[in-house]
Protein backbone atom coordinates (compact mmCIF):
# COMPACT_ATOMS: atom_id res chain seq x y z
CA MET A 1 0.00 0.00 0.00
CA GLY A 2 1.39 3.41 -0.98
CA ALA A 3 1.96 6.26 1.49
CA SER A 4 -1.06 8.18 0.20
CA LEU A 5 -3.42 5.26 0.84
CA LYS A 6 -1.87 4.61 4.25
CA LYS A 7 -2.33 8.27 5.15
CA ASN A 8 -6.00 8.21 4.11
CA GLU A 9 -6.61 5.07 6.16
CA LEU A 10 -4.84 6.60 9.15
CA ARG A 11 -6.86 9.83 8.78
CA ARG A 12 -10.13 7.88 9.00
CA SER A 13 -8.84 5.95 12.01
CA MET A 14 -7.57 9.05 13.84
CA LEU A 15 -10.78 11.00 13.19
CA GLN A 16 -12.77 8.11 14.61
CA ILE A 17 -10.61 8.04 17.75
CA LEU A 18 -10.56 11.82 18.25
CA ARG A 19 -14.31 12.24 17.73
CA THR A 20 -15.00 9.80 20.57
CA LEU A 21 -12.97 11.78 23.11
CA PRO A 22 -15.13 13.57 25.69
CA HIS A 23 -15.32 17.35 25.30
CA ASP A 24 -14.26 17.84 28.94
CA TYR A 25 -11.14 15.74 28.35
CA ILE A 26 -10.14 17.81 25.30
CA CYS A 27 -10.69 21.00 27.32
CA GLU A 28 -8.54 19.71 30.21
CA GLN A 29 -5.75 18.64 27.87
CA SER A 30 -5.94 21.97 26.04
CA VAL A 31 -5.42 23.86 29.31
CA ARG A 32 -2.42 21.66 30.12
CA LEU A 33 -0.94 22.18 26.65
CA VAL A 34 -1.39 25.95 26.90
CA GLN A 35 0.77 25.72 30.06
CA LEU A 36 3.50 23.99 28.03
CA LEU A 37 3.48 26.94 25.63
CA ARG A 38 4.05 29.53 28.37
CA PRO A 39 7.89 29.54 28.21
CA LEU A 40 7.76 30.20 24.48
CA LEU A 41 5.33 33.10 24.80
CA GLN A 42 6.74 34.90 27.84
CA ASP A 43 8.98 36.97 25.58
CA SER A 44 8.98 40.68 26.30
CA HIS A 45 8.74 41.55 22.61
CA THR A 46 5.46 41.33 20.76
CA MET A 47 5.12 38.14 18.77
CA ARG A 48 3.10 37.58 15.60
CA ILE A 49 1.62 34.11 15.99
CA PHE A 50 -0.29 32.06 13.43
CA LEU A 51 -2.97 30.15 15.30
CA TYR A 52 -6.04 28.16 14.21
CA ALA A 53 -9.68 27.93 15.26
CA PRO A 54 -10.14 24.37 16.51
CA LEU A 55 -12.59 21.76 15.34
CA PRO A 56 -14.41 20.07 18.28
CA HIS A 57 -11.84 17.23 18.42
CA GLU A 58 -8.73 19.48 18.28
CA VAL A 59 -6.58 21.12 20.94
CA ASP A 60 -8.13 24.52 21.71
CA LEU A 61 -5.60 27.34 22.07
CA ARG A 62 -7.96 30.31 21.78
CA ALA A 63 -7.28 31.19 25.45
CA LEU A 64 -3.90 32.47 24.28
CA LEU A 65 -5.56 35.66 23.02
CA HIS A 66 -6.62 36.53 26.57
CA LEU A 67 -3.51 35.22 28.32
CA TYR A 68 -1.07 37.06 26.03
CA PRO A 69 -2.68 40.32 24.88
CA GLN A 70 0.78 41.70 24.05
CA HIS A 71 1.02 39.27 21.10
CA SER A 72 -0.80 39.44 17.78
CA PHE A 73 -2.72 36.35 16.68
CA TYR A 74 -3.51 35.57 13.05
CA PHE A 75 -6.05 32.95 12.00
CA PRO A 76 -6.26 31.19 8.61
CA ARG A 77 -8.72 31.63 5.77
CA CYS A 78 -8.81 28.94 3.09
CA LEU A 79 -8.11 30.29 -0.39
CA THR A 80 -8.35 28.65 -3.80
CA GLY A 81 -5.41 26.46 -4.71
CA HIS A 82 -5.24 24.98 -1.19
CA LEU A 83 -3.56 28.13 0.14
CA LEU A 84 -4.08 30.01 3.40
CA SER A 85 -4.11 33.69 4.25
CA PHE A 86 -3.68 34.70 7.90
CA HIS A 87 -5.74 37.57 9.33
CA LEU A 88 -5.34 39.44 12.61
CA VAL A 89 -8.01 38.45 15.13
CA THR A 90 -8.45 40.46 18.32
CA ASP A 91 -12.06 39.51 19.13
CA LEU A 92 -12.96 35.85 18.72
CA SER A 93 -16.71 36.43 18.82
CA LYS A 94 -16.70 39.22 16.23
CA HIS A 95 -13.84 38.26 13.93
CA LEU A 96 -14.38 34.51 13.41
CA LEU A 97 -17.34 33.24 11.40
CA PRO A 98 -18.21 29.78 10.05
CA GLY A 99 -15.96 29.16 7.05
CA SER A 100 -15.29 26.42 4.54
CA LEU A 101 -15.23 22.84 5.81
CA GLY A 102 -17.03 24.00 8.97
CA ILE A 103 -13.88 25.66 10.31
CA PRO A 104 -14.31 29.12 11.85
CA ALA A 105 -12.45 31.64 9.70
CA PRO A 106 -11.55 35.31 10.13
CA LEU A 107 -13.28 38.03 8.17
CA ALA A 108 -11.51 38.69 4.86
CA SER A 109 -11.42 42.41 5.68
CA LEU A 110 -9.10 41.92 8.68
CA PRO A 111 -5.37 42.77 8.27
CA VAL A 112 -3.24 40.04 6.66
CA LEU A 113 0.31 39.04 7.62
CA THR A 114 2.78 37.52 5.17
CA PRO A 115 3.92 34.11 6.51
CA GLN A 116 7.61 35.06 6.39
CA LEU A 117 6.89 37.80 8.96
CA ALA A 118 5.36 35.46 11.54
CA ASP A 119 7.33 34.69 14.70
CA LEU A 120 5.63 31.34 15.32
CA ILE A 121 3.26 29.09 13.37
CA ILE A 122 1.06 26.75 15.40
CA VAL A 123 -0.11 23.93 13.15
CA PRO A 124 -3.14 21.67 13.67
CA GLY A 125 -3.23 18.03 12.65
CA LEU A 126 -4.63 14.58 13.27
CA ALA A 127 -1.47 12.74 14.32
CA PHE A 128 2.14 13.56 15.14
CA THR A 129 5.48 12.01 15.98
CA THR A 130 7.67 13.48 18.67
CA SER A 131 10.22 14.40 15.97
CA GLY A 132 7.81 16.73 14.11
CA SER A 133 6.17 14.60 11.45
CA ARG A 134 2.48 15.33 11.16
CA LEU A 135 -0.59 13.97 9.50
CA GLY A 136 -2.98 16.70 8.43
CA TYR A 137 -6.41 16.47 6.89
CA GLY A 138 -5.18 15.85 3.34
CA GLY A 139 -5.48 19.25 1.70
CA GLY A 140 -1.80 20.14 1.97
CA TYR A 141 -2.61 23.68 3.19
CA TYR A 142 -0.01 23.69 5.97
CA ASP A 143 2.60 21.83 3.92
CA ARG A 144 2.37 24.62 1.32
CA LEU A 145 2.50 27.28 4.04
CA LEU A 146 5.50 25.80 5.86
CA ALA A 147 7.40 25.35 2.59
CA THR A 148 7.17 29.12 1.96
CA CYS A 149 8.71 30.10 5.29
CA PRO A 150 11.20 27.47 6.49
CA ALA A 151 12.98 29.95 8.79
CA VAL A 152 9.83 30.58 10.88
CA PRO A 153 9.56 28.25 13.90
CA SER A 154 6.53 25.97 13.75
CA LEU A 155 4.99 23.70 16.31
CA SER A 156 2.02 21.48 16.97
CA LEU A 157 0.41 20.53 20.24
CA ALA A 158 -0.74 16.94 20.57
CA LEU A 159 -3.16 15.04 22.72
CA PRO A 160 -1.71 11.72 23.95
CA GLU A 161 -3.98 9.89 21.49
CA GLN A 162 -2.41 11.81 18.59
CA LEU A 163 1.18 10.69 19.23
CA LEU A 164 2.37 7.82 17.07
CA PRO A 165 5.83 6.26 16.74
CA SER A 166 5.89 6.88 12.98
CA LEU A 167 3.76 8.25 10.16
CA PRO A 168 3.66 7.49 6.45
CA SER A 169 5.16 10.37 4.50
CA GLU A 170 5.49 11.71 0.98
CA ALA A 171 7.99 14.10 -0.60
CA HIS A 172 5.70 17.14 -0.18
CA ASP A 173 5.16 16.63 3.59
CA VAL A 174 6.77 19.36 5.69
CA PRO A 175 7.37 18.57 9.38
CA VAL A 176 6.94 21.11 12.16
CA SER A 177 9.98 22.28 14.13
CA ARG A 178 8.60 20.91 17.39
CA VAL A 179 5.70 18.96 18.88
CA LEU A 180 4.56 19.75 22.41
CA TYR A 181 2.76 17.01 24.30
CA ILE A 182 2.09 15.88 27.84
CA SER A 183 4.17 12.83 28.67
């Protein structure tokens, strides 16, 4: 079986596992993972951080906007060609609306930041290895993004259920710099 087929099979399996996790458990783990991020965000200078609006089964990092008001947070909008644009969000309730694929997206009118100017990119996914390999949802959005700005640090935060010893990979897959997880 080729890597692409293995990845699709693993996506279905991981989605099934993640969708059965209790909401309270995901919330508890999200709070713990936000704590792991603290040392990276305590910087005195203002950081420009690419974040994401979570699906119900994903780690929720939206609390960062309230915990670190000195930083600027940019959320993705899906564009044609499987590309993303990142827009400044300062008010979650006013600036994020239901977008494509059911993912909350920022208003197109909000300020955009070029990926090369970001200080940190936080990347969602379905599964990860501790060395930075990740399995996304299959659209290649973040692989394209990360390929355009290899000098920008990137990281993912993983629930214990999302950590795997290895993942199938293809030439276009771009790993994140770091994966944070609770051991």
